[in-house]
Amino acid sequence: MFSRCWFTASACGCKRNASEFLREQTAEKAEMIEVVCNDRLGKKVRVKCNQEDTIGDLKKLIAAQTGTRWDKIVLKKWYTIFKDHVSLGDYEIHDGMNLELYYQ
């Protein structure tokens, strides 16, 4: 699909280099996703965000909708507790995914 010349742009005379290639790939992933967070106590929140957003950003969006403080929110999927500094794309959180919402 892609030629190998984007790794060595100067060697083969291509106009594209690796940073431009990665910039194009990340620009295509800038679409909004919707994540559903359920605390199983009657509160279900739908949040629109980007995959480049961090879990901390997602917690702040949830806090704005629920009225709780963002640092008191814990997001889980099964036994995985999501860390604040990691992006949604790194955790492979996609559009329409359900997360468990807990309070600290």
PDB file of N, CA and C in Angstrom:
ATOM      1  N   MET A   1       0.820  -1.184   0.000  1.00  0.00           N
ATOM      2  CA  MET A   1       0.000   0.000   0.000  1.00  0.00           C
ATOM      3  C   MET A   1       0.865   1.249   0.000  1.00  0.00           C
ATOM      4  N   PHE A   2       1.806   1.344   0.935  1.00  0.00           N
ATOM      5  CA  PHE A   2       2.718   2.479   0.976  1.00  0.00           C
ATOM      6  C   PHE A   2       4.091   2.033   0.482  1.00  0.00           C
ATOM      7  N   SER A   3       4.743   2.899  -0.209  1.00  0.00           N
ATOM      8  CA  SER A   3       6.093   2.566  -0.639  1.00  0.00           C
ATOM      9  C   SER A   3       7.066   2.788   0.504  1.00  0.00           C
ATOM     10  N   ARG A   4       8.207   2.188   0.414  1.00  0.00           N
ATOM     11  CA  ARG A   4       9.204   2.318   1.471  1.00  0.00           C
ATOM     12  C   ARG A   4       9.926   3.653   1.429  1.00  0.00           C
ATOM     13  N   CYS A   5       9.705   4.443   0.397  1.00  0.00           N
ATOM     14  CA  CYS A   5      10.503   5.651   0.226  1.00  0.00           C
ATOM     15  C   CYS A   5      10.173   6.732   1.248  1.00  0.00           C
ATOM     16  N   TRP A   6       9.097   6.611   2.020  1.00  0.00           N
ATOM     17  CA  TRP A   6       8.827   7.658   2.996  1.00  0.00           C
ATOM     18  C   TRP A   6       9.781   7.571   4.187  1.00  0.00           C
ATOM     19  N   PHE A   7      10.437   6.421   4.373  1.00  0.00           N
ATOM     20  CA  PHE A   7      11.454   6.324   5.420  1.00  0.00           C
ATOM     21  C   PHE A   7      12.722   7.069   5.013  1.00  0.00           C
ATOM     22  N   THR A   8      13.123   6.931   3.775  1.00  0.00           N
ATOM     23  CA  THR A   8      14.329   7.599   3.291  1.00  0.00           C
ATOM     24  C   THR A   8      13.941   8.499   2.125  1.00  0.00           C
ATOM     25  N   ALA A   9      13.357   9.619   2.456  1.00  0.00           N
ATOM     26  CA  ALA A   9      12.843  10.519   1.433  1.00  0.00           C
ATOM     27  C   ALA A   9      13.963  11.121   0.600  1.00  0.00           C
ATOM     28  N   SER A  10      15.092  11.392   1.218  1.00  0.00           N
ATOM     29  CA  SER A  10      16.184  12.004   0.461  1.00  0.00           C
ATOM     30  C   SER A  10      16.867  11.001  -0.464  1.00  0.00           C
ATOM     31  N   ALA A  11      16.816   9.720  -0.099  1.00  0.00           N
ATOM     32  CA  ALA A  11      17.501   8.713  -0.912  1.00  0.00           C
ATOM     33  C   ALA A  11      16.785   8.448  -2.237  1.00  0.00           C
ATOM     34  N   CYS A  12      15.461   8.477  -2.227  1.00  0.00           N
ATOM     35  CA  CYS A  12      14.750   8.152  -3.451  1.00  0.00           C
ATOM     36  C   CYS A  12      14.109   9.374  -4.110  1.00  0.00           C
ATOM     37  N   GLY A  13      14.241  10.537  -3.522  1.00  0.00           N
ATOM     38  CA  GLY A  13      13.716  11.749  -4.134  1.00  0.00           C
ATOM     39  C   GLY A  13      12.235  11.986  -3.905  1.00  0.00           C
ATOM     40  N   CYS A  14      11.640  11.333  -2.904  1.00  0.00           N
ATOM     41  CA  CYS A  14      10.221  11.546  -2.623  1.00  0.00           C
ATOM     42  C   CYS A  14      10.023  12.897  -1.956  1.00  0.00           C
ATOM     43  N   LYS A  15       8.830  13.430  -2.107  1.00  0.00           N
ATOM     44  CA  LYS A  15       8.527  14.729  -1.521  1.00  0.00           C
ATOM     45  C   LYS A  15       8.014  14.609  -0.096  1.00  0.00           C
ATOM     46  N   ARG A  16       7.639  13.422   0.314  1.00  0.00           N
ATOM     47  CA  ARG A  16       7.072  13.200   1.630  1.00  0.00           C
ATOM     48  C   ARG A  16       8.108  12.577   2.549  1.00  0.00           C
ATOM     49  N   ASN A  17       8.181  13.042   3.782  1.00  0.00           N
ATOM     50  CA  ASN A  17       9.063  12.397   4.752  1.00  0.00           C
ATOM     51  C   ASN A  17       8.219  11.780   5.868  1.00  0.00           C
ATOM     52  N   ALA A  18       8.862  11.196   6.839  1.00  0.00           N
ATOM     53  CA  ALA A  18       8.146  10.442   7.873  1.00  0.00           C
ATOM     54  C   ALA A  18       7.248  11.333   8.715  1.00  0.00           C
ATOM     55  N   SER A  19       7.680  12.536   9.047  1.00  0.00           N
ATOM     56  CA  SER A  19       6.853  13.405   9.882  1.00  0.00           C
ATOM     57  C   SER A  19       5.598  13.852   9.141  1.00  0.00           C
ATOM     58  N   GLU A  20       5.706  14.116   7.846  1.00  0.00           N
ATOM     59  CA  GLU A  20       4.523  14.480   7.071  1.00  0.00           C
ATOM     60  C   GLU A  20       3.557  13.304   6.961  1.00  0.00           C
ATOM     61  N   PHE A  21       4.097  12.121   6.807  1.00  0.00           N
ATOM     62  CA  PHE A  21       3.263  10.923   6.734  1.00  0.00           C
ATOM     63  C   PHE A  21       2.486  10.722   8.030  1.00  0.00           C
ATOM     64  N   LEU A  22       3.160  10.842   9.179  1.00  0.00           N
ATOM     65  CA  LEU A  22       2.498  10.666  10.468  1.00  0.00           C
ATOM     66  C   LEU A  22       1.478  11.767  10.724  1.00  0.00           C
ATOM     67  N   ARG A  23       1.765  12.985  10.274  1.00  0.00           N
ATOM     68  CA  ARG A  23       0.831  14.087  10.428  1.00  0.00           C
ATOM     69  C   ARG A  23      -0.451  13.819   9.637  1.00  0.00           C
ATOM     70  N   GLU A  24      -0.307  13.264   8.438  1.00  0.00           N
ATOM     71  CA  GLU A  24      -1.482  12.930   7.633  1.00  0.00           C
ATOM     72  C   GLU A  24      -2.298  11.820   8.300  1.00  0.00           C
ATOM     73  N   GLN A  25      -1.621  10.842   8.880  1.00  0.00           N
ATOM     74  CA  GLN A  25      -2.325   9.737   9.518  1.00  0.00           C
ATOM     75  C   GLN A  25      -3.090  10.200  10.753  1.00  0.00           C
ATOM     76  N   THR A  26      -2.510  11.105  11.550  1.00  0.00           N
ATOM     77  CA  THR A  26      -3.200  11.587  12.736  1.00  0.00           C
ATOM     78  C   THR A  26      -4.303  12.561  12.379  1.00  0.00           C
ATOM     79  N   ALA A  27      -4.182  13.272  11.268  1.00  0.00           N
ATOM     80  CA  ALA A  27      -5.243  14.188  10.854  1.00  0.00           C
ATOM     81  C   ALA A  27      -6.491  13.420  10.446  1.00  0.00           C
ATOM     82  N   GLU A  28      -6.325  12.218   9.912  1.00  0.00           N
ATOM     83  CA  GLU A  28      -7.473  11.416   9.527  1.00  0.00           C
ATOM     84  C   GLU A  28      -8.218  10.886  10.745  1.00  0.00           C
ATOM     85  N   LYS A  29      -7.549  10.730  11.882  1.00  0.00           N
ATOM     86  CA  LYS A  29      -8.165  10.182  13.088  1.00  0.00           C
ATOM     87  C   LYS A  29      -8.756  11.270  13.982  1.00  0.00           C
ATOM     88  N   ALA A  30      -8.890  12.488  13.514  1.00  0.00           N
ATOM     89  CA  ALA A  30      -9.358  13.589  14.340  1.00  0.00           C
ATOM     90  C   ALA A  30     -10.871  13.645  14.462  1.00  0.00           C
ATOM     91  N   GLU A  31     -11.578  12.622  14.027  1.00  0.00           N
ATOM     92  CA  GLU A  31     -13.026  12.633  14.111  1.00  0.00           C
ATOM     93  C   GLU A  31     -13.476  12.392  15.542  1.00  0.00           C
ATOM     94  N   MET A  32     -14.663  12.885  15.859  1.00  0.00           N
ATOM     95  CA  MET A  32     -15.194  12.770  17.209  1.00  0.00           C
ATOM     96  C   MET A  32     -15.738  11.357  17.446  1.00  0.00           C
ATOM     97  N   ILE A  33     -15.558  10.886  18.669  1.00  0.00           N
ATOM     98  CA  ILE A  33     -16.130   9.611  19.082  1.00  0.00           C
ATOM     99  C   ILE A  33     -17.061   9.867  20.259  1.00  0.00           C
ATOM    100  N   GLU A  34     -17.973   8.938  20.495  1.00  0.00           N
ATOM    101  CA  GLU A  34     -18.884   9.049  21.621  1.00  0.00           C
ATOM    102  C   GLU A  34     -18.636   7.883  22.566  1.00  0.00           C
ATOM    103  N   VAL A  35     -18.372   8.203  23.820  1.00  0.00           N
ATOM    104  CA  VAL A  35     -18.097   7.202  24.849  1.00  0.00           C
ATOM    105  C   VAL A  35     -19.243   7.243  25.856  1.00  0.00           C
ATOM    106  N   VAL A  36     -19.744   6.076  26.228  1.00  0.00           N
ATOM    107  CA  VAL A  36     -20.835   5.966  27.195  1.00  0.00           C
ATOM    108  C   VAL A  36     -20.250   5.498  28.515  1.00  0.00           C
ATOM    109  N   CYS A  37     -20.516   6.256  29.583  1.00  0.00           N
ATOM    110  CA  CYS A  37     -20.031   5.907  30.916  1.00  0.00           C
ATOM    111  C   CYS A  37     -21.228   5.644  31.821  1.00  0.00           C
ATOM    112  N   ASN A  38     -21.240   4.491  32.456  1.00  0.00           N
ATOM    113  CA  ASN A  38     -22.365   4.060  33.283  1.00  0.00           C
ATOM    114  C   ASN A  38     -21.847   3.746  34.683  1.00  0.00           C
ATOM    115  N   ASP A  39     -22.497   4.331  35.711  1.00  0.00           N
ATOM    116  CA  ASP A  39     -22.086   4.026  37.082  1.00  0.00           C
ATOM    117  C   ASP A  39     -22.957   2.945  37.719  1.00  0.00           C
ATOM    118  N   ARG A  40     -23.935   2.407  36.966  1.00  0.00           N
ATOM    119  CA  ARG A  40     -24.835   1.340  37.396  1.00  0.00           C
ATOM    120  C   ARG A  40     -25.631   1.706  38.650  1.00  0.00           C
ATOM    121  N   LEU A  41     -25.750   3.008  38.894  1.00  0.00           N
ATOM    122  CA  LEU A  41     -26.596   3.507  39.986  1.00  0.00           C
ATOM    123  C   LEU A  41     -27.687   4.420  39.430  1.00  0.00           C
ATOM    124  N   GLY A  42     -27.873   4.399  38.120  1.00  0.00           N
ATOM    125  CA  GLY A  42     -28.894   5.213  37.492  1.00  0.00           C
ATOM    126  C   GLY A  42     -28.357   6.372  36.685  1.00  0.00           C
ATOM    127  N   LYS A  43     -27.071   6.552  36.665  1.00  0.00           N
ATOM    128  CA  LYS A  43     -26.468   7.660  35.929  1.00  0.00           C
ATOM    129  C   LYS A  43     -25.694   7.101  34.734  1.00  0.00           C
ATOM    130  N   LYS A  44     -26.107   7.508  33.551  1.00  0.00           N
ATOM    131  CA  LYS A  44     -25.451   7.080  32.316  1.00  0.00           C
ATOM    132  C   LYS A  44     -25.127   8.338  31.526  1.00  0.00           C
ATOM    133  N   VAL A  45     -23.864   8.531  31.186  1.00  0.00           N
ATOM    134  CA  VAL A  45     -23.405   9.758  30.560  1.00  0.00           C
ATOM    135  C   VAL A  45     -22.832   9.434  29.188  1.00  0.00           C
ATOM    136  N   ARG A  46     -23.250  10.196  28.174  1.00  0.00           N
ATOM    137  CA  ARG A  46     -22.679  10.087  26.830  1.00  0.00           C
ATOM    138  C   ARG A  46     -21.800  11.302  26.601  1.00  0.00           C
ATOM    139  N   VAL A  47     -20.535  11.062  26.259  1.00  0.00           N
ATOM    140  CA  VAL A  47     -19.572  12.142  26.099  1.00  0.00           C
ATOM    141  C   VAL A  47     -18.963  12.068  24.707  1.00  0.00           C
ATOM    142  N   LYS A  48     -18.929  13.205  24.024  1.00  0.00           N
ATOM    143  CA  LYS A  48     -18.253  13.289  22.729  1.00  0.00           C
ATOM    144  C   LYS A  48     -16.856  13.841  22.953  1.00  0.00           C
ATOM    145  N   CYS A  49     -15.848  13.159  22.378  1.00  0.00           N
ATOM    146  CA  CYS A  49     -14.458  13.572  22.538  1.00  0.00           C
ATOM    147  C   CYS A  49     -13.651  13.050  21.355  1.00  0.00           C
ATOM    148  N   ASN A  50     -12.377  13.383  21.326  1.00  0.00           N
ATOM    149  CA  ASN A  50     -11.460  12.901  20.291  1.00  0.00           C
ATOM    150  C   ASN A  50     -10.651  11.736  20.840  1.00  0.00           C
ATOM    151  N   GLN A  51     -10.110  10.923  19.932  1.00  0.00           N
ATOM    152  CA  GLN A  51      -9.257   9.817  20.387  1.00  0.00           C
ATOM    153  C   GLN A  51      -7.913  10.313  20.887  1.00  0.00           C
ATOM    154  N   GLU A  52      -7.527  11.525  20.526  1.00  0.00           N
ATOM    155  CA  GLU A  52      -6.268  12.089  21.016  1.00  0.00           C
ATOM    156  C   GLU A  52      -6.399  12.644  22.426  1.00  0.00           C
ATOM    157  N   ASP A  53      -7.631  12.806  22.927  1.00  0.00           N
ATOM    158  CA  ASP A  53      -7.844  13.298  24.288  1.00  0.00           C
ATOM    159  C   ASP A  53      -7.348  12.266  25.296  1.00  0.00           C
ATOM    160  N   THR A  54      -6.933  12.764  26.437  1.00  0.00           N
ATOM    161  CA  THR A  54      -6.478  11.866  27.489  1.00  0.00           C
ATOM    162  C   THR A  54      -7.659  11.442  28.356  1.00  0.00           C
ATOM    163  N   ILE A  55      -7.425  10.465  29.203  1.00  0.00           N
ATOM    164  CA  ILE A  55      -8.445  10.014  30.141  1.00  0.00           C
ATOM    165  C   ILE A  55      -8.798  11.140  31.108  1.00  0.00           C
ATOM    166  N   GLY A  56      -7.817  11.950  31.476  1.00  0.00           N
ATOM    167  CA  GLY A  56      -8.078  13.109  32.335  1.00  0.00           C
ATOM    168  C   GLY A  56      -9.018  14.101  31.674  1.00  0.00           C
ATOM    169  N   ASP A  57      -8.849  14.328  30.368  1.00  0.00           N
ATOM    170  CA  ASP A  57      -9.770  15.209  29.636  1.00  0.00           C
ATOM    171  C   ASP A  57     -11.174  14.614  29.623  1.00  0.00           C
ATOM    172  N   LEU A  58     -11.272  13.309  29.422  1.00  0.00           N
ATOM    173  CA  LEU A  58     -12.569  12.637  29.422  1.00  0.00           C
ATOM    174  C   LEU A  58     -13.235  12.755  30.789  1.00  0.00           C
ATOM    175  N   LYS A  59     -12.455  12.623  31.858  1.00  0.00           N
ATOM    176  CA  LYS A  59     -13.008  12.768  33.202  1.00  0.00           C
ATOM    177  C   LYS A  59     -13.545  14.179  33.426  1.00  0.00           C
ATOM    178  N   LYS A  60     -12.867  15.178  32.871  1.00  0.00           N
ATOM    179  CA  LYS A  60     -13.336  16.559  33.019  1.00  0.00           C
ATOM    180  C   LYS A  60     -14.636  16.789  32.261  1.00  0.00           C
ATOM    181  N   LEU A  61     -14.780  16.153  31.100  1.00  0.00           N
ATOM    182  CA  LEU A  61     -16.031  16.259  30.356  1.00  0.00           C
ATOM    183  C   LEU A  61     -17.173  15.557  31.089  1.00  0.00           C
ATOM    184  N   ILE A  62     -16.878  14.419  31.697  1.00  0.00           N
ATOM    185  CA  ILE A  62     -17.887  13.700  32.481  1.00  0.00           C
ATOM    186  C   ILE A  62     -18.280  14.521  33.704  1.00  0.00           C
ATOM    187  N   ALA A  63     -17.288  15.121  34.361  1.00  0.00           N
ATOM    188  CA  ALA A  63     -17.557  15.933  35.548  1.00  0.00           C
ATOM    189  C   ALA A  63     -18.433  17.137  35.213  1.00  0.00           C
ATOM    190  N   ALA A  64     -18.248  17.703  34.028  1.00  0.00           N
ATOM    191  CA  ALA A  64     -19.077  18.840  33.629  1.00  0.00           C
ATOM    192  C   ALA A  64     -20.536  18.435  33.451  1.00  0.00           C
ATOM    193  N   GLN A  65     -20.784  17.218  33.032  1.00  0.00           N
ATOM    194  CA  GLN A  65     -22.159  16.754  32.833  1.00  0.00           C
ATOM    195  C   GLN A  65     -22.808  16.240  34.112  1.00  0.00           C
ATOM    196  N   THR A  66     -22.016  15.625  34.985  1.00  0.00           N
ATOM    197  CA  THR A  66     -22.600  14.999  36.177  1.00  0.00           C
ATOM    198  C   THR A  66     -22.586  15.907  37.398  1.00  0.00           C
ATOM    199  N   GLY A  67     -21.702  16.884  37.446  1.00  0.00           N
ATOM    200  CA  GLY A  67     -21.614  17.759  38.602  1.00  0.00           C
ATOM    201  C   GLY A  67     -20.682  17.254  39.683  1.00  0.00           C
ATOM    202  N   THR A  68     -19.951  16.179  39.431  1.00  0.00           N
ATOM    203  CA  THR A  68     -18.971  15.684  40.399  1.00  0.00           C
ATOM    204  C   THR A  68     -17.596  16.241  40.058  1.00  0.00           C
ATOM    205  N   ARG A  69     -16.683  16.175  40.996  1.00  0.00           N
ATOM    206  CA  ARG A  69     -15.321  16.648  40.731  1.00  0.00           C
ATOM    207  C   ARG A  69     -14.595  15.615  39.881  1.00  0.00           C
ATOM    208  N   TRP A  70     -13.783  16.084  38.925  1.00  0.00           N
ATOM    209  CA  TRP A  70     -13.149  15.166  37.985  1.00  0.00           C
ATOM    210  C   TRP A  70     -12.115  14.280  38.661  1.00  0.00           C
ATOM    211  N   ASP A  71     -11.490  14.761  39.736  1.00  0.00           N
ATOM    212  CA  ASP A  71     -10.464  13.941  40.388  1.00  0.00           C
ATOM    213  C   ASP A  71     -11.072  12.857  41.283  1.00  0.00           C
ATOM    214  N   LYS A  72     -12.383  12.873  41.467  1.00  0.00           N
ATOM    215  CA  LYS A  72     -13.072  11.832  42.231  1.00  0.00           C
ATOM    216  C   LYS A  72     -13.631  10.732  41.337  1.00  0.00           C
ATOM    217  N   ILE A  73     -13.447  10.865  40.012  1.00  0.00           N
ATOM    218  CA  ILE A  73     -13.979   9.899  39.061  1.00  0.00           C
ATOM    219  C   ILE A  73     -12.915   8.857  38.735  1.00  0.00           C
ATOM    220  N   VAL A  74     -13.308   7.590  38.693  1.00  0.00           N
ATOM    221  CA  VAL A  74     -12.449   6.477  38.285  1.00  0.00           C
ATOM    222  C   VAL A  74     -13.126   5.780  37.120  1.00  0.00           C
ATOM    223  N   LEU A  75     -12.406   5.621  36.014  1.00  0.00           N
ATOM    224  CA  LEU A  75     -12.937   4.929  34.844  1.00  0.00           C
ATOM    225  C   LEU A  75     -12.287   3.572  34.719  1.00  0.00           C
ATOM    226  N   LYS A  76     -13.104   2.543  34.490  1.00  0.00           N
ATOM    227  CA  LYS A  76     -12.623   1.175  34.386  1.00  0.00           C
ATOM    228  C   LYS A  76     -13.268   0.477  33.207  1.00  0.00           C
ATOM    229  N   LYS A  77     -12.625  -0.572  32.756  1.00  0.00           N
ATOM    230  CA  LYS A  77     -13.205  -1.547  31.839  1.00  0.00           C
ATOM    231  C   LYS A  77     -12.736  -2.898  32.356  1.00  0.00           C
ATOM    232  N   TRP A  78     -13.655  -3.710  32.854  1.00  0.00           N
ATOM    233  CA  TRP A  78     -13.339  -4.947  33.555  1.00  0.00           C
ATOM    234  C   TRP A  78     -12.417  -4.637  34.725  1.00  0.00           C
ATOM    235  N   TYR A  79     -11.188  -5.109  34.716  1.00  0.00           N
ATOM    236  CA  TYR A  79     -10.288  -4.845  35.836  1.00  0.00           C
ATOM    237  C   TYR A  79      -9.228  -3.819  35.503  1.00  0.00           C
ATOM    238  N   THR A  80      -9.303  -3.214  34.340  1.00  0.00           N
ATOM    239  CA  THR A  80      -8.327  -2.209  33.937  1.00  0.00           C
ATOM    240  C   THR A  80      -8.765  -0.841  34.428  1.00  0.00           C
ATOM    241  N   ILE A  81      -7.962  -0.219  35.266  1.00  0.00           N
ATOM    242  CA  ILE A  81      -8.209   1.146  35.715  1.00  0.00           C
ATOM    243  C   ILE A  81      -7.433   2.068  34.782  1.00  0.00           C
ATOM    244  N   PHE A  82      -8.129   3.011  34.152  1.00  0.00           N
ATOM    245  CA  PHE A  82      -7.503   3.885  33.173  1.00  0.00           C
ATOM    246  C   PHE A  82      -6.763   5.021  33.868  1.00  0.00           C
ATOM    247  N   LYS A  83      -5.525   5.280  33.431  1.00  0.00           N
ATOM    248  CA  LYS A  83      -4.679   6.336  33.986  1.00  0.00           C
ATOM    249  C   LYS A  83      -4.966   7.662  33.291  1.00  0.00           C
ATOM    250  N   ASP A  84      -4.820   8.770  34.012  1.00  0.00           N
ATOM    251  CA  ASP A  84      -5.207  10.083  33.509  1.00  0.00           C
ATOM    252  C   ASP A  84      -4.355  10.583  32.346  1.00  0.00           C
ATOM    253  N   HIS A  85      -3.099  10.234  32.282  1.00  0.00           N
ATOM    254  CA  HIS A  85      -2.195  10.821  31.287  1.00  0.00           C
ATOM    255  C   HIS A  85      -2.168  10.060  29.959  1.00  0.00           C
ATOM    256  N   VAL A  86      -2.848   8.936  29.860  1.00  0.00           N
ATOM    257  CA  VAL A  86      -2.832   8.109  28.652  1.00  0.00           C
ATOM    258  C   VAL A  86      -4.011   8.500  27.761  1.00  0.00           C
ATOM    259  N   SER A  87      -3.791   8.533  26.449  1.00  0.00           N
ATOM    260  CA  SER A  87      -4.855   8.943  25.527  1.00  0.00           C
ATOM    261  C   SER A  87      -5.845   7.802  25.297  1.00  0.00           C
ATOM    262  N   LEU A  88      -7.023   8.170  24.802  1.00  0.00           N
ATOM    263  CA  LEU A  88      -8.060   7.182  24.530  1.00  0.00           C
ATOM    264  C   LEU A  88      -7.630   6.234  23.419  1.00  0.00           C
ATOM    265  N   GLY A  89      -6.905   6.745  22.434  1.00  0.00           N
ATOM    266  CA  GLY A  89      -6.431   5.911  21.341  1.00  0.00           C
ATOM    267  C   GLY A  89      -5.436   4.861  21.808  1.00  0.00           C
ATOM    268  N   ASP A  90      -4.627   5.209  22.798  1.00  0.00           N
ATOM    269  CA  ASP A  90      -3.663   4.243  23.327  1.00  0.00           C
ATOM    270  C   ASP A  90      -4.360   3.099  24.070  1.00  0.00           C
ATOM    271  N   TYR A  91      -5.480   3.393  24.711  1.00  0.00           N
ATOM    272  CA  TYR A  91      -6.271   2.355  25.359  1.00  0.00           C
ATOM    273  C   TYR A  91      -7.228   1.675  24.383  1.00  0.00           C
ATOM    274  N   GLU A  92      -7.221   2.077  23.130  1.00  0.00           N
ATOM    275  CA  GLU A  92      -8.093   1.545  22.084  1.00  0.00           C
ATOM    276  C   GLU A  92      -9.567   1.715  22.445  1.00  0.00           C
ATOM    277  N   ILE A  93      -9.898   2.902  22.927  1.00  0.00           N
ATOM    278  CA  ILE A  93     -11.285   3.263  23.206  1.00  0.00           C
ATOM    279  C   ILE A  93     -11.852   3.854  21.933  1.00  0.00           C
ATOM    280  N   HIS A  94     -12.912   3.243  21.407  1.00  0.00           N
ATOM    281  CA  HIS A  94     -13.475   3.615  20.117  1.00  0.00           C
ATOM    282  C   HIS A  94     -14.877   4.182  20.282  1.00  0.00           C
ATOM    283  N   ASP A  95     -15.476   4.527  19.162  1.00  0.00           N
ATOM    284  CA  ASP A  95     -16.804   5.122  19.138  1.00  0.00           C
ATOM    285  C   ASP A  95     -17.851   4.128  19.665  1.00  0.00           C
ATOM    286  N   GLY A  96     -18.690   4.597  20.590  1.00  0.00           N
ATOM    287  CA  GLY A  96     -19.761   3.782  21.143  1.00  0.00           C
ATOM    288  C   GLY A  96     -19.342   2.841  22.251  1.00  0.00           C
ATOM    289  N   MET A  97     -18.142   2.950  22.740  1.00  0.00           N
ATOM    290  CA  MET A  97     -17.644   2.031  23.762  1.00  0.00           C
ATOM    291  C   MET A  97     -18.225   2.392  25.136  1.00  0.00           C
ATOM    292  N   ASN A  98     -18.477   1.382  25.943  1.00  0.00           N
ATOM    293  CA  ASN A  98     -19.015   1.565  27.292  1.00  0.00           C
ATOM    294  C   ASN A  98     -17.898   1.430  28.311  1.00  0.00           C
ATOM    295  N   LEU A  99     -17.829   2.378  29.232  1.00  0.00           N
ATOM    296  CA  LEU A  99     -16.859   2.345  30.327  1.00  0.00           C
ATOM    297  C   LEU A  99     -17.620   2.346  31.647  1.00  0.00           C
ATOM    298  N   GLU A 100     -17.003   1.780  32.657  1.00  0.00           N
ATOM    299  CA  GLU A 100     -17.590   1.748  33.991  1.00  0.00           C
ATOM    300  C   GLU A 100     -17.143   2.982  34.755  1.00  0.00           C
ATOM    301  N   LEU A 101     -18.086   3.642  35.387  1.00  0.00           N
ATOM    302  CA  LEU A 101     -17.831   4.890  36.105  1.00  0.00           C
ATOM    303  C   LEU A 101     -17.940   4.642  37.602  1.00  0.00           C
ATOM    304  N   TYR A 102     -16.864   4.897  38.318  1.00  0.00           N
ATOM    305  CA  TYR A 102     -16.830   4.729  39.768  1.00  0.00           C
ATOM    306  C   TYR A 102     -16.435   6.058  40.419  1.00  0.00           C
ATOM    307  N   TYR A 103     -16.713   6.172  41.705  1.00  0.00           N
ATOM    308  CA  TYR A 103     -16.382   7.384  42.452  1.00  0.00           C
ATOM    309  C   TYR A 103     -15.427   7.029  43.578  1.00  0.00           C
ATOM    310  N   GLN A 104     -14.447   7.886  43.795  1.00  0.00           N
ATOM    311  CA  GLN A 104     -13.432   7.669  44.824  1.00  0.00           C
ATOM    312  C   GLN A 104     -13.818   8.348  46.109  1.00  0.00           C
TER     313      GLN A 104
END
